[in-house]
Each structure stands twice: as C-alpha cells, then as structure tokens.
C-alpha cells in the first residue's frame, strides 16, 4: 500500500480552488515585521518559500520562474551593466542577473531583511552565494522610497515582488505612479521586467491590469507567460522597454548573446523558448482586449 503523507500544505489558489503539497518537513514558520513566512520541504518540489500562504518558489522548478523573469530583459538590452532589483528575497533573481558577464553593479532592495536571512540559512541553493558578490549593494528599505531618492539610473530593472494582496507589503508597487517612477530611473535604452501574476483561465485580472498600466507609460510593452508547476498553472510576466522590441530578436541572436554573456548553464531560457514565451494564448489576448483596468493608488488591484 502506498504511503499516505500525514502532513499536507494547502494553498488557496483562488477562494474556490486549492492545491496541496505533501510535506516532508517544516523548516520554519513565523512572522516577520511585514508578512507570514514559511519554509517547508515538500515531496514533489523540494524546499519551498511561502509568504502569506502563497508559494513563492520551490527548489525543483524555481529555475523556470527566475530565468523567465530575468533573461528576456537582460538579453534584450545590448550591454546591461547596471541593474536594479526590487524584492527577490530568495536571491535567485540576483543569481540570474549576476550570471551576465556585462554586469558591473546591482542594487537590490528588499524591505524584509528577515526573509533574506531565513532564505540564506534554509534555501542556500537559491542564491548560491550571490549576496556575497562584490558587485551587489543590498538594501533593506522600501523600494519606492529608495528610487524616489536616488539619482542613479539603470540599464535594466527587475521587479520580483509578492502578489498584490490587500493589506500586504507590495500592492502599492503595482500602480501607475510606481511604474512612472521606474521609467524615470531607466537610461534611454533601458528595459524593465516584472512578474504579473496568474494567467490561468478566468484569473487574468492582475496580469491584464499590469499590462494596461505599463502601456500608459512605456512605448513598448509585451506580456509573456510560462507554466510554473508549483504555482499550479501558467504565470504571466511583462517586459517594458524604451527602445528595443523583444519580437525583433531572432532565436539565433538570442542564443549568440547567451553564449557570449551568460556564464552559467540555462535550463529553461534560450532563443527557441523566447519565441514561444511571447506567443500567448487567445483567451489571454481576448482578456487583454476586454479588461481595461489601469492601476492607481486610488484604484489598486488585488489577487482574489
């Protein structure tokens, strides 16, 4: 008879849908100043970080999410030397940025120092020593306040924040005002990438609103998606650029840039994958045409 796990982690994907993970061990459970933090070891996906009850990343498939988030924008830019990261407490987003040999400086701002400390201790495979890289300046403060104060501008900005949860720490960083601030901190040919939430059927509200909002600010905006198994389905991202269009890069050119710049093996992203990422399904294209919300501080978007 097959073993039946005695412990399960249950995540409400929506108020009406759950997914469950068989748990081998509970490594941490607590609350930081900003959010509930859990680290568990699951049977199927290895060690996982959970914030406010939502899976953020798991050892077995985090490479899909982080390569999809980081590399399209980094490869799109002809020579990314300075990069800003908001969020990304596990360190895996930083890991992927630092893999680019052109990078000379990374400023990473994550408000929750406790999450970073927990991840460094319990999820070392995510960051792989990235926080010790001399190119990195790590700050624990509000990303919006930092950007408003700094005079520095960046080649690429990567926004890796938790979903916009009502009462959570991140929802005001999903607004037109914040995206305008991000544009002002990009150099003339800069690019921005961010995670835009679920693109499952009938769960497209956040992704379409992010896309609509970015289009009011940036001349080039492209939504893309891929399946993240531990997230329970397809996940959306947005790439916004002041000059370069991701549709104009050929597979060969992308593979050439990866070969010349990236000092590690990529297990998800390459030229062929890039082409597929940006050809999103018809139901999502239809939702983008139908759903017209633009996010403001007075009209925020929240996941269900």
C-alpha atoms as a PDB file:
ATOM      1  CA  UNK A   1       0.000   0.000   0.000  1.00  0.00           C
ATOM      2  CA  UNK A   2       1.326   3.431  -0.941  1.00  0.00           C
ATOM      3  CA  UNK A   3       2.419   5.749   1.842  1.00  0.00           C
ATOM      4  CA  UNK A   4      -0.103   8.464   2.672  1.00  0.00           C
ATOM      5  CA  UNK A   5       1.633  11.616   3.938  1.00  0.00           C
ATOM      6  CA  UNK A   6       0.433  12.749   7.335  1.00  0.00           C
ATOM      7  CA  UNK A   7       1.179  16.404   6.651  1.00  0.00           C
ATOM      8  CA  UNK A   8      -0.031  18.494   3.730  1.00  0.00           C
ATOM      9  CA  UNK A   9       0.401  22.148   2.833  1.00  0.00           C
ATOM     10  CA  UNK A  10      -2.747  23.633   1.332  1.00  0.00           C
ATOM     11  CA  UNK A  11      -2.676  26.833  -0.730  1.00  0.00           C
ATOM     12  CA  UNK A  12      -5.789  28.682  -1.768  1.00  0.00           C
ATOM     13  CA  UNK A  13      -5.035  29.453  -5.416  1.00  0.00           C
ATOM     14  CA  UNK A  14      -8.361  31.305  -5.514  1.00  0.00           C
ATOM     15  CA  UNK A  15     -11.128  31.454  -2.898  1.00  0.00           C
ATOM     16  CA  UNK A  16     -12.680  28.472  -4.705  1.00  0.00           C
ATOM     17  CA  UNK A  17      -9.580  26.463  -5.669  1.00  0.00           C
ATOM     18  CA  UNK A  18      -6.847  24.825  -3.643  1.00  0.00           C
ATOM     19  CA  UNK A  19      -3.659  22.933  -4.383  1.00  0.00           C
ATOM     20  CA  UNK A  20      -1.949  20.656  -1.889  1.00  0.00           C
ATOM     21  CA  UNK A  21       1.644  19.537  -1.378  1.00  0.00           C
ATOM     22  CA  UNK A  22       2.772  16.528   0.622  1.00  0.00           C
ATOM     23  CA  UNK A  23       5.198  17.824   3.281  1.00  0.00           C
ATOM     24  CA  UNK A  24       8.345  16.004   4.417  1.00  0.00           C
ATOM     25  CA  UNK A  25       9.448  18.633   6.919  1.00  0.00           C
ATOM     26  CA  UNK A  26       8.517  22.077   8.248  1.00  0.00           C
ATOM     27  CA  UNK A  27      11.769  24.029   8.394  1.00  0.00           C
ATOM     28  CA  UNK A  28      10.438  27.386   9.543  1.00  0.00           C
ATOM     29  CA  UNK A  29       7.168  29.041  10.461  1.00  0.00           C
ATOM     30  CA  UNK A  30       6.900  32.574  11.780  1.00  0.00           C
ATOM     31  CA  UNK A  31       6.004  36.140  11.049  1.00  0.00           C
ATOM     32  CA  UNK A  32       8.349  38.943  10.043  1.00  0.00           C
ATOM     33  CA  UNK A  33       7.512  42.600  10.511  1.00  0.00           C
ATOM     34  CA  UNK A  34       5.728  42.525   7.155  1.00  0.00           C
ATOM     35  CA  UNK A  35       4.353  39.057   6.401  1.00  0.00           C
ATOM     36  CA  UNK A  36       3.916  35.426   7.409  1.00  0.00           C
ATOM     37  CA  UNK A  37       6.953  33.358   6.406  1.00  0.00           C
ATOM     38  CA  UNK A  38       7.133  29.579   5.968  1.00  0.00           C
ATOM     39  CA  UNK A  39       9.825  27.276   4.615  1.00  0.00           C
ATOM     40  CA  UNK A  40       8.756  23.698   4.065  1.00  0.00           C
ATOM     41  CA  UNK A  41      10.282  20.682   2.360  1.00  0.00           C
ATOM     42  CA  UNK A  42       7.804  19.019   0.024  1.00  0.00           C
ATOM     43  CA  UNK A  43       7.901  15.585  -1.563  1.00  0.00           C
ATOM     44  CA  UNK A  44       7.438  16.816  -5.144  1.00  0.00           C
ATOM     45  CA  UNK A  45       9.193  20.188  -5.263  1.00  0.00           C
ATOM     46  CA  UNK A  46      11.826  20.140  -2.515  1.00  0.00           C
ATOM     47  CA  UNK A  47      12.240  23.139  -0.224  1.00  0.00           C
ATOM     48  CA  UNK A  48       9.717  25.944  -0.788  1.00  0.00           C
ATOM     49  CA  UNK A  49       9.356  29.534   0.410  1.00  0.00           C
ATOM     50  CA  UNK A  50       5.806  30.578   1.293  1.00  0.00           C
ATOM     51  CA  UNK A  51       4.790  34.164   2.086  1.00  0.00           C
ATOM     52  CA  UNK A  52       1.322  34.970   3.418  1.00  0.00           C
ATOM     53  CA  UNK A  53       0.182  31.492   2.475  1.00  0.00           C
ATOM     54  CA  UNK A  54       1.314  31.765  -1.168  1.00  0.00           C
ATOM     55  CA  UNK A  55       4.068  29.648  -2.724  1.00  0.00           C
ATOM     56  CA  UNK A  56       6.889  31.972  -3.871  1.00  0.00           C
ATOM     57  CA  UNK A  57       9.418  29.463  -5.192  1.00  0.00           C
ATOM     58  CA  UNK A  58      10.404  25.819  -4.848  1.00  0.00           C
ATOM     59  CA  UNK A  59      13.779  24.176  -5.393  1.00  0.00           C
ATOM     60  CA  UNK A  60      12.711  21.851  -8.212  1.00  0.00           C
ATOM     61  CA  UNK A  61      11.158  24.430 -10.560  1.00  0.00           C
ATOM     62  CA  UNK A  62      12.339  27.871  -9.405  1.00  0.00           C
ATOM     63  CA  UNK A  63      14.736  27.968 -12.377  1.00  0.00           C
ATOM     64  CA  UNK A  64      11.752  28.297 -14.714  1.00  0.00           C
ATOM     65  CA  UNK A  65      10.349  31.338 -12.934  1.00  0.00           C
ATOM     66  CA  UNK A  66      13.657  33.107 -12.367  1.00  0.00           C
ATOM     67  CA  UNK A  67      15.096  32.522 -15.839  1.00  0.00           C
ATOM     68  CA  UNK A  68      11.808  33.674 -17.381  1.00  0.00           C
ATOM     69  CA  UNK A  69      11.741  36.796 -15.212  1.00  0.00           C
ATOM     70  CA  UNK A  70      15.346  37.875 -15.687  1.00  0.00           C
ATOM     71  CA  UNK A  71      16.807  36.824 -19.018  1.00  0.00           C
ATOM     72  CA  UNK A  72      14.383  38.235 -21.615  1.00  0.00           C
ATOM     73  CA  UNK A  73      15.034  41.792 -20.391  1.00  0.00           C
ATOM     74  CA  UNK A  74      18.748  41.247 -19.824  1.00  0.00           C
ATOM     75  CA  UNK A  75      19.254  39.713 -23.265  1.00  0.00           C
ATOM     76  CA  UNK A  76      17.103  42.379 -24.915  1.00  0.00           C
ATOM     77  CA  UNK A  77      19.483  45.092 -23.681  1.00  0.00           C
ATOM     78  CA  UNK A  78      22.666  45.321 -25.802  1.00  0.00           C
ATOM     79  CA  UNK A  79      25.026  45.752 -22.844  1.00  0.00           C
ATOM     80  CA  UNK A  80      23.416  45.660 -19.364  1.00  0.00           C
ATOM     81  CA  UNK A  81      25.927  46.962 -16.825  1.00  0.00           C
ATOM     82  CA  UNK A  82      23.738  48.393 -14.052  1.00  0.00           C
ATOM     83  CA  UNK A  83      20.687  46.579 -12.714  1.00  0.00           C
ATOM     84  CA  UNK A  84      18.102  47.362 -10.042  1.00  0.00           C
ATOM     85  CA  UNK A  85      16.128  44.567  -8.356  1.00  0.00           C
ATOM     86  CA  UNK A  86      13.096  45.145  -6.149  1.00  0.00           C
ATOM     87  CA  UNK A  87      12.183  42.157  -3.989  1.00  0.00           C
ATOM     88  CA  UNK A  88      13.624  38.760  -4.786  1.00  0.00           C
ATOM     89  CA  UNK A  89      14.453  37.809  -1.203  1.00  0.00           C
ATOM     90  CA  UNK A  90      15.434  34.216  -2.033  1.00  0.00           C
ATOM     91  CA  UNK A  91      18.391  35.546  -4.030  1.00  0.00           C
ATOM     92  CA  UNK A  92      17.624  33.555  -7.181  1.00  0.00           C
ATOM     93  CA  UNK A  93      16.717  36.641  -9.228  1.00  0.00           C
ATOM     94  CA  UNK A  94      20.035  38.150  -8.168  1.00  0.00           C
ATOM     95  CA  UNK A  95      21.780  34.895  -9.107  1.00  0.00           C
ATOM     96  CA  UNK A  96      20.442  35.062 -12.664  1.00  0.00           C
ATOM     97  CA  UNK A  97      21.322  38.758 -13.079  1.00  0.00           C
ATOM     98  CA  UNK A  98      24.891  38.172 -11.886  1.00  0.00           C
ATOM     99  CA  UNK A  99      25.322  35.386 -14.437  1.00  0.00           C
ATOM    100  CA  UNK A 100      25.624  38.105 -17.105  1.00  0.00           C
ATOM    101  CA  UNK A 101      29.302  38.972 -17.536  1.00  0.00           C
ATOM    102  CA  UNK A 102      28.462  42.542 -18.596  1.00  0.00           C
ATOM    103  CA  UNK A 103      27.003  43.402 -15.185  1.00  0.00           C
ATOM    104  CA  UNK A 104      29.141  45.735 -13.103  1.00  0.00           C
ATOM    105  CA  UNK A 105      26.692  46.850 -10.405  1.00  0.00           C
ATOM    106  CA  UNK A 106      23.432  45.549  -8.924  1.00  0.00           C
ATOM    107  CA  UNK A 107      21.323  47.391  -6.386  1.00  0.00           C
ATOM    108  CA  UNK A 108      18.853  45.050  -4.709  1.00  0.00           C
ATOM    109  CA  UNK A 109      16.215  46.494  -2.398  1.00  0.00           C
ATOM    110  CA  UNK A 110      14.060  44.155  -0.331  1.00  0.00           C
ATOM    111  CA  UNK A 111      12.167  45.600   2.583  1.00  0.00           C
ATOM    112  CA  UNK A 112      12.088  42.358   4.573  1.00  0.00           C
ATOM    113  CA  UNK A 113      15.548  41.599   5.961  1.00  0.00           C
ATOM    114  CA  UNK A 114      14.151  38.666   7.943  1.00  0.00           C
ATOM    115  CA  UNK A 115      13.058  36.859   4.774  1.00  0.00           C
ATOM    116  CA  UNK A 116      16.518  37.254   3.239  1.00  0.00           C
ATOM    117  CA  UNK A 117      18.157  35.937   6.413  1.00  0.00           C
ATOM    118  CA  UNK A 118      15.826  32.931   6.522  1.00  0.00           C
ATOM    119  CA  UNK A 119      16.440  32.165   2.843  1.00  0.00           C
ATOM    120  CA  UNK A 120      20.204  32.417   3.224  1.00  0.00           C
ATOM    121  CA  UNK A 121      20.090  29.878   6.046  1.00  0.00           C
ATOM    122  CA  UNK A 122      17.462  27.484   4.760  1.00  0.00           C
ATOM    123  CA  UNK A 123      17.444  27.915   0.959  1.00  0.00           C
ATOM    124  CA  UNK A 124      21.134  28.336   0.039  1.00  0.00           C
ATOM    125  CA  UNK A 125      20.648  26.641  -3.344  1.00  0.00           C
ATOM    126  CA  UNK A 126      18.523  29.575  -4.468  1.00  0.00           C
ATOM    127  CA  UNK A 127      21.122  32.318  -4.042  1.00  0.00           C
ATOM    128  CA  UNK A 128      24.324  30.243  -4.444  1.00  0.00           C
ATOM    129  CA  UNK A 129      26.496  32.879  -2.782  1.00  0.00           C
ATOM    130  CA  UNK A 130      25.072  35.793  -4.774  1.00  0.00           C
ATOM    131  CA  UNK A 131      24.692  38.051  -1.745  1.00  0.00           C
ATOM    132  CA  UNK A 132      28.469  37.931  -1.261  1.00  0.00           C
ATOM    133  CA  UNK A 133      29.264  39.130  -4.782  1.00  0.00           C
ATOM    134  CA  UNK A 134      31.178  42.468  -4.628  1.00  0.00           C
ATOM    135  CA  UNK A 135      29.037  43.870  -7.432  1.00  0.00           C
ATOM    136  CA  UNK A 136      25.960  43.804  -5.185  1.00  0.00           C
ATOM    137  CA  UNK A 137      24.610  46.519  -2.909  1.00  0.00           C
ATOM    138  CA  UNK A 138      21.818  45.029  -0.775  1.00  0.00           C
ATOM    139  CA  UNK A 139      19.454  47.421   1.000  1.00  0.00           C
ATOM    140  CA  UNK A 140      16.565  46.721   3.363  1.00  0.00           C
ATOM    141  CA  UNK A 141      14.118  49.527   2.799  1.00  0.00           C
ATOM    142  CA  UNK A 142      11.061  50.485   0.784  1.00  0.00           C
ATOM    143  CA  UNK A 143      11.899  50.237  -2.934  1.00  0.00           C
ATOM    144  CA  UNK A 144       9.662  53.142  -3.872  1.00  0.00           C
ATOM    145  CA  UNK A 145      11.308  55.452  -1.343  1.00  0.00           C
ATOM    146  CA  UNK A 146      14.781  54.412  -2.470  1.00  0.00           C
ATOM    147  CA  UNK A 147      14.031  55.060  -6.138  1.00  0.00           C
ATOM    148  CA  UNK A 148      12.434  58.413  -5.367  1.00  0.00           C
ATOM    149  CA  UNK A 149      15.593  59.497  -3.549  1.00  0.00           C
ATOM    150  CA  UNK A 150      18.377  58.057  -5.704  1.00  0.00           C
ATOM    151  CA  UNK A 151      19.841  59.929  -8.662  1.00  0.00           C
ATOM    152  CA  UNK A 152      21.149  56.697 -10.165  1.00  0.00           C
ATOM    153  CA  UNK A 153      19.674  55.289 -13.358  1.00  0.00           C
ATOM    154  CA  UNK A 154      19.834  51.709 -14.564  1.00  0.00           C
ATOM    155  CA  UNK A 155      20.101  49.685 -17.754  1.00  0.00           C
ATOM    156  CA  UNK A 156      17.660  47.037 -16.543  1.00  0.00           C
ATOM    157  CA  UNK A 157      15.133  46.945 -13.707  1.00  0.00           C
ATOM    158  CA  UNK A 158      13.717  43.650 -12.436  1.00  0.00           C
ATOM    159  CA  UNK A 159      10.665  43.734 -10.163  1.00  0.00           C
ATOM    160  CA  UNK A 160      10.238  40.459  -8.252  1.00  0.00           C
ATOM    161  CA  UNK A 161       7.549  41.173  -5.697  1.00  0.00           C
ATOM    162  CA  UNK A 162       4.878  39.062  -3.997  1.00  0.00           C
ATOM    163  CA  UNK A 163       1.405  39.252  -5.487  1.00  0.00           C
ATOM    164  CA  UNK A 164      -0.665  42.323  -4.624  1.00  0.00           C
ATOM    165  CA  UNK A 165      -2.509  41.116  -1.530  1.00  0.00           C
ATOM    166  CA  UNK A 166      -4.878  43.506   0.221  1.00  0.00           C
ATOM    167  CA  UNK A 167      -3.056  44.677   3.338  1.00  0.00           C
ATOM    168  CA  UNK A 168       0.219  43.125   2.089  1.00  0.00           C
ATOM    169  CA  UNK A 169       3.565  44.907   1.659  1.00  0.00           C
ATOM    170  CA  UNK A 170       3.636  45.070  -2.156  1.00  0.00           C
ATOM    171  CA  UNK A 171       0.337  46.258  -3.627  1.00  0.00           C
ATOM    172  CA  UNK A 172       1.362  49.939  -3.916  1.00  0.00           C
ATOM    173  CA  UNK A 173       4.237  48.805  -6.154  1.00  0.00           C
ATOM    174  CA  UNK A 174       1.664  47.694  -8.728  1.00  0.00           C
ATOM    175  CA  UNK A 175       0.479  51.173  -9.695  1.00  0.00           C
ATOM    176  CA  UNK A 176       0.815  53.672 -12.497  1.00  0.00           C
ATOM    177  CA  UNK A 177       2.656  56.060 -10.188  1.00  0.00           C
ATOM    178  CA  UNK A 178       5.280  53.439  -9.316  1.00  0.00           C
ATOM    179  CA  UNK A 179       5.724  52.414 -12.951  1.00  0.00           C
ATOM    180  CA  UNK A 180       6.244  56.078 -13.872  1.00  0.00           C
ATOM    181  CA  UNK A 181       8.969  56.211 -11.228  1.00  0.00           C
ATOM    182  CA  UNK A 182      10.573  53.091 -12.705  1.00  0.00           C
ATOM    183  CA  UNK A 183      10.639  54.638 -16.161  1.00  0.00           C
ATOM    184  CA  UNK A 184      12.386  57.729 -14.801  1.00  0.00           C
ATOM    185  CA  UNK A 185      15.153  55.505 -13.393  1.00  0.00           C
ATOM    186  CA  UNK A 186      15.921  53.748 -16.682  1.00  0.00           C
ATOM    187  CA  UNK A 187      18.552  55.006 -19.083  1.00  0.00           C
ATOM    188  CA  UNK A 188      17.418  55.891 -22.606  1.00  0.00           C
ATOM    189  CA  UNK A 189      17.535  52.318 -23.942  1.00  0.00           C
ATOM    190  CA  UNK A 190      16.591  50.597 -20.688  1.00  0.00           C
ATOM    191  CA  UNK A 191      14.273  47.662 -20.089  1.00  0.00           C
ATOM    192  CA  UNK A 192      12.011  46.584 -17.253  1.00  0.00           C
ATOM    193  CA  UNK A 193      10.692  43.114 -16.399  1.00  0.00           C
ATOM    194  CA  UNK A 194       8.257  42.064 -13.715  1.00  0.00           C
ATOM    195  CA  UNK A 195       6.081  39.175 -12.661  1.00  0.00           C
ATOM    196  CA  UNK A 196       2.444  39.902 -13.414  1.00  0.00           C
ATOM    197  CA  UNK A 197       0.529  37.137 -11.679  1.00  0.00           C
ATOM    198  CA  UNK A 198      -1.551  34.186 -12.771  1.00  0.00           C
ATOM    199  CA  UNK A 199      -2.711  33.799 -16.356  1.00  0.00           C
ATOM    200  CA  UNK A 200      -4.949  30.823 -15.655  1.00  0.00           C
ATOM    201  CA  UNK A 201      -8.338  30.883 -17.369  1.00  0.00           C
ATOM    202  CA  UNK A 202     -10.658  33.305 -15.544  1.00  0.00           C
ATOM    203  CA  UNK A 203      -7.755  34.537 -13.352  1.00  0.00           C
ATOM    204  CA  UNK A 204      -6.276  37.158 -15.651  1.00  0.00           C
ATOM    205  CA  UNK A 205      -7.288  40.346 -13.833  1.00  0.00           C
ATOM    206  CA  UNK A 206      -3.901  41.221 -12.329  1.00  0.00           C
ATOM    207  CA  UNK A 207      -1.908  40.400 -15.462  1.00  0.00           C
ATOM    208  CA  UNK A 208      -4.143  42.395 -17.793  1.00  0.00           C
ATOM    209  CA  UNK A 209      -4.237  45.360 -15.407  1.00  0.00           C
ATOM    210  CA  UNK A 210      -0.437  45.387 -15.159  1.00  0.00           C
ATOM    211  CA  UNK A 211      -0.199  45.256 -18.955  1.00  0.00           C
ATOM    212  CA  UNK A 212      -2.717  48.081 -19.379  1.00  0.00           C
ATOM    213  CA  UNK A 213      -0.953  50.235 -16.803  1.00  0.00           C
ATOM    214  CA  UNK A 214       2.501  49.761 -18.299  1.00  0.00           C
ATOM    215  CA  UNK A 215       1.150  50.694 -21.735  1.00  0.00           C
ATOM    216  CA  UNK A 216       0.213  54.141 -20.421  1.00  0.00           C
ATOM    217  CA  UNK A 217       3.894  54.768 -19.636  1.00  0.00           C
ATOM    218  CA  UNK A 218       6.190  52.748 -21.914  1.00  0.00           C
ATOM    219  CA  UNK A 219       6.347  52.773 -25.738  1.00  0.00           C
ATOM    220  CA  UNK A 220       6.994  49.023 -25.936  1.00  0.00           C
ATOM    221  CA  UNK A 221       5.179  46.552 -23.675  1.00  0.00           C
ATOM    222  CA  UNK A 222       4.998  42.785 -24.193  1.00  0.00           C
ATOM    223  CA  UNK A 223       3.248  40.274 -21.971  1.00  0.00           C
ATOM    224  CA  UNK A 224       4.579  36.741 -21.869  1.00  0.00           C
ATOM    225  CA  UNK A 225       3.840  33.581 -19.894  1.00  0.00           C
ATOM    226  CA  UNK A 226       5.061  30.132 -18.993  1.00  0.00           C
ATOM    227  CA  UNK A 227       3.868  27.250 -16.856  1.00  0.00           C
ATOM    228  CA  UNK A 228       5.235  27.098 -13.296  1.00  0.00           C
ATOM    229  CA  UNK A 229       4.272  23.661 -11.926  1.00  0.00           C
ATOM    230  CA  UNK A 230       4.446  24.613  -8.237  1.00  0.00           C
ATOM    231  CA  UNK A 231       2.269  27.669  -8.924  1.00  0.00           C
ATOM    232  CA  UNK A 232      -0.455  25.420 -10.279  1.00  0.00           C
ATOM    233  CA  UNK A 233      -0.524  26.675 -13.844  1.00  0.00           C
ATOM    234  CA  UNK A 234       0.594  29.388 -16.263  1.00  0.00           C
ATOM    235  CA  UNK A 235       2.183  32.557 -14.929  1.00  0.00           C
ATOM    236  CA  UNK A 236       2.416  35.973 -16.546  1.00  0.00           C
ATOM    237  CA  UNK A 237       5.290  38.429 -16.920  1.00  0.00           C
ATOM    238  CA  UNK A 238       5.622  41.827 -18.561  1.00  0.00           C
ATOM    239  CA  UNK A 239       8.593  43.279 -20.381  1.00  0.00           C
ATOM    240  CA  UNK A 240       8.584  47.040 -20.946  1.00  0.00           C
ATOM    241  CA  UNK A 241      11.243  48.828 -22.966  1.00  0.00           C
ATOM    242  CA  UNK A 242      12.104  52.343 -24.010  1.00  0.00           C
ATOM    243  CA  UNK A 243      13.732  51.264 -27.283  1.00  0.00           C
ATOM    244  CA  UNK A 244      14.055  47.554 -28.055  1.00  0.00           C
ATOM    245  CA  UNK A 245      11.253  45.162 -29.054  1.00  0.00           C
ATOM    246  CA  UNK A 246      11.552  41.528 -27.871  1.00  0.00           C
ATOM    247  CA  UNK A 247       9.736  40.355 -31.019  1.00  0.00           C
ATOM    248  CA  UNK A 248      12.597  41.629 -33.173  1.00  0.00           C
ATOM    249  CA  UNK A 249      15.209  39.309 -31.667  1.00  0.00           C
ATOM    250  CA  UNK A 250      15.802  36.127 -33.647  1.00  0.00           C
ATOM    251  CA  UNK A 251      16.450  32.789 -31.961  1.00  0.00           C
ATOM    252  CA  UNK A 252      19.990  32.804 -33.290  1.00  0.00           C
ATOM    253  CA  UNK A 253      20.724  36.282 -31.982  1.00  0.00           C
ATOM    254  CA  UNK A 254      19.429  35.368 -28.525  1.00  0.00           C
ATOM    255  CA  UNK A 255      21.499  32.190 -28.416  1.00  0.00           C
ATOM    256  CA  UNK A 256      24.549  34.167 -29.512  1.00  0.00           C
ATOM    257  CA  UNK A 257      24.072  36.711 -26.735  1.00  0.00           C
ATOM    258  CA  UNK A 258      23.573  33.958 -24.162  1.00  0.00           C
ATOM    259  CA  UNK A 259      26.731  32.208 -25.319  1.00  0.00           C
ATOM    260  CA  UNK A 260      28.752  35.419 -25.202  1.00  0.00           C
ATOM    261  CA  UNK A 261      27.432  36.844 -21.958  1.00  0.00           C
ATOM    262  CA  UNK A 262      25.959  34.274 -19.613  1.00  0.00           C
ATOM    263  CA  UNK A 263      28.497  32.430 -17.509  1.00  0.00           C
ATOM    264  CA  UNK A 264      26.283  29.536 -16.446  1.00  0.00           C
ATOM    265  CA  UNK A 265      24.077  26.851 -17.926  1.00  0.00           C
ATOM    266  CA  UNK A 266      20.477  27.911 -18.505  1.00  0.00           C
ATOM    267  CA  UNK A 267      17.962  25.092 -18.138  1.00  0.00           C
ATOM    268  CA  UNK A 268      14.870  26.975 -19.319  1.00  0.00           C
ATOM    269  CA  UNK A 269      15.609  30.040 -21.422  1.00  0.00           C
ATOM    270  CA  UNK A 270      17.135  30.088 -24.904  1.00  0.00           C
ATOM    271  CA  UNK A 271      16.322  31.522 -28.316  1.00  0.00           C
ATOM    272  CA  UNK A 272      13.628  28.999 -29.126  1.00  0.00           C
ATOM    273  CA  UNK A 273      11.981  29.334 -25.726  1.00  0.00           C
ATOM    274  CA  UNK A 274      11.999  33.127 -26.104  1.00  0.00           C
ATOM    275  CA  UNK A 275       9.878  32.907 -29.235  1.00  0.00           C
ATOM    276  CA  UNK A 276       7.310  30.720 -27.501  1.00  0.00           C
ATOM    277  CA  UNK A 277       7.080  32.855 -24.365  1.00  0.00           C
ATOM    278  CA  UNK A 278       5.649  35.838 -26.209  1.00  0.00           C
ATOM    279  CA  UNK A 279       3.028  33.952 -28.255  1.00  0.00           C
ATOM    280  CA  UNK A 280       0.333  33.926 -25.600  1.00  0.00           C
ATOM    281  CA  UNK A 281      -2.968  32.029 -25.954  1.00  0.00           C
ATOM    282  CA  UNK A 282      -6.075  33.540 -27.485  1.00  0.00           C
ATOM    283  CA  UNK A 283      -8.069  33.612 -24.225  1.00  0.00           C
ATOM    284  CA  UNK A 284      -5.384  35.822 -22.665  1.00  0.00           C
ATOM    285  CA  UNK A 285      -5.234  38.082 -25.716  1.00  0.00           C
ATOM    286  CA  UNK A 286      -9.014  38.368 -25.595  1.00  0.00           C
ATOM    287  CA  UNK A 287      -8.876  39.218 -21.879  1.00  0.00           C
ATOM    288  CA  UNK A 288      -6.358  41.971 -22.585  1.00  0.00           C
ATOM    289  CA  UNK A 289      -8.715  43.454 -25.156  1.00  0.00           C
ATOM    290  CA  UNK A 290     -11.707  43.170 -22.825  1.00  0.00           C
ATOM    291  CA  UNK A 291     -10.281  44.082 -19.409  1.00  0.00           C
ATOM    292  CA  UNK A 292      -9.352  47.772 -19.323  1.00  0.00           C
ATOM    293  CA  UNK A 293      -8.354  48.450 -15.716  1.00  0.00           C
ATOM    294  CA  UNK A 294      -5.424  50.839 -15.154  1.00  0.00           C
ATOM    295  CA  UNK A 295      -3.974  50.513 -11.651  1.00  0.00           C
ATOM    296  CA  UNK A 296      -3.694  53.598  -9.450  1.00  0.00           C
ATOM    297  CA  UNK A 297      -3.208  54.149  -5.749  1.00  0.00           C
ATOM    298  CA  UNK A 298      -6.909  55.023  -5.503  1.00  0.00           C
ATOM    299  CA  UNK A 299      -7.851  52.008  -7.612  1.00  0.00           C
ATOM    300  CA  UNK A 300      -5.431  49.219  -6.680  1.00  0.00           C
ATOM    301  CA  UNK A 301      -5.548  45.667  -7.975  1.00  0.00           C
ATOM    302  CA  UNK A 302      -5.606  42.679  -5.623  1.00  0.00           C
ATOM    303  CA  UNK A 303      -5.458  38.965  -6.209  1.00  0.00           C
ATOM    304  CA  UNK A 304      -8.682  37.151  -5.196  1.00  0.00           C
END
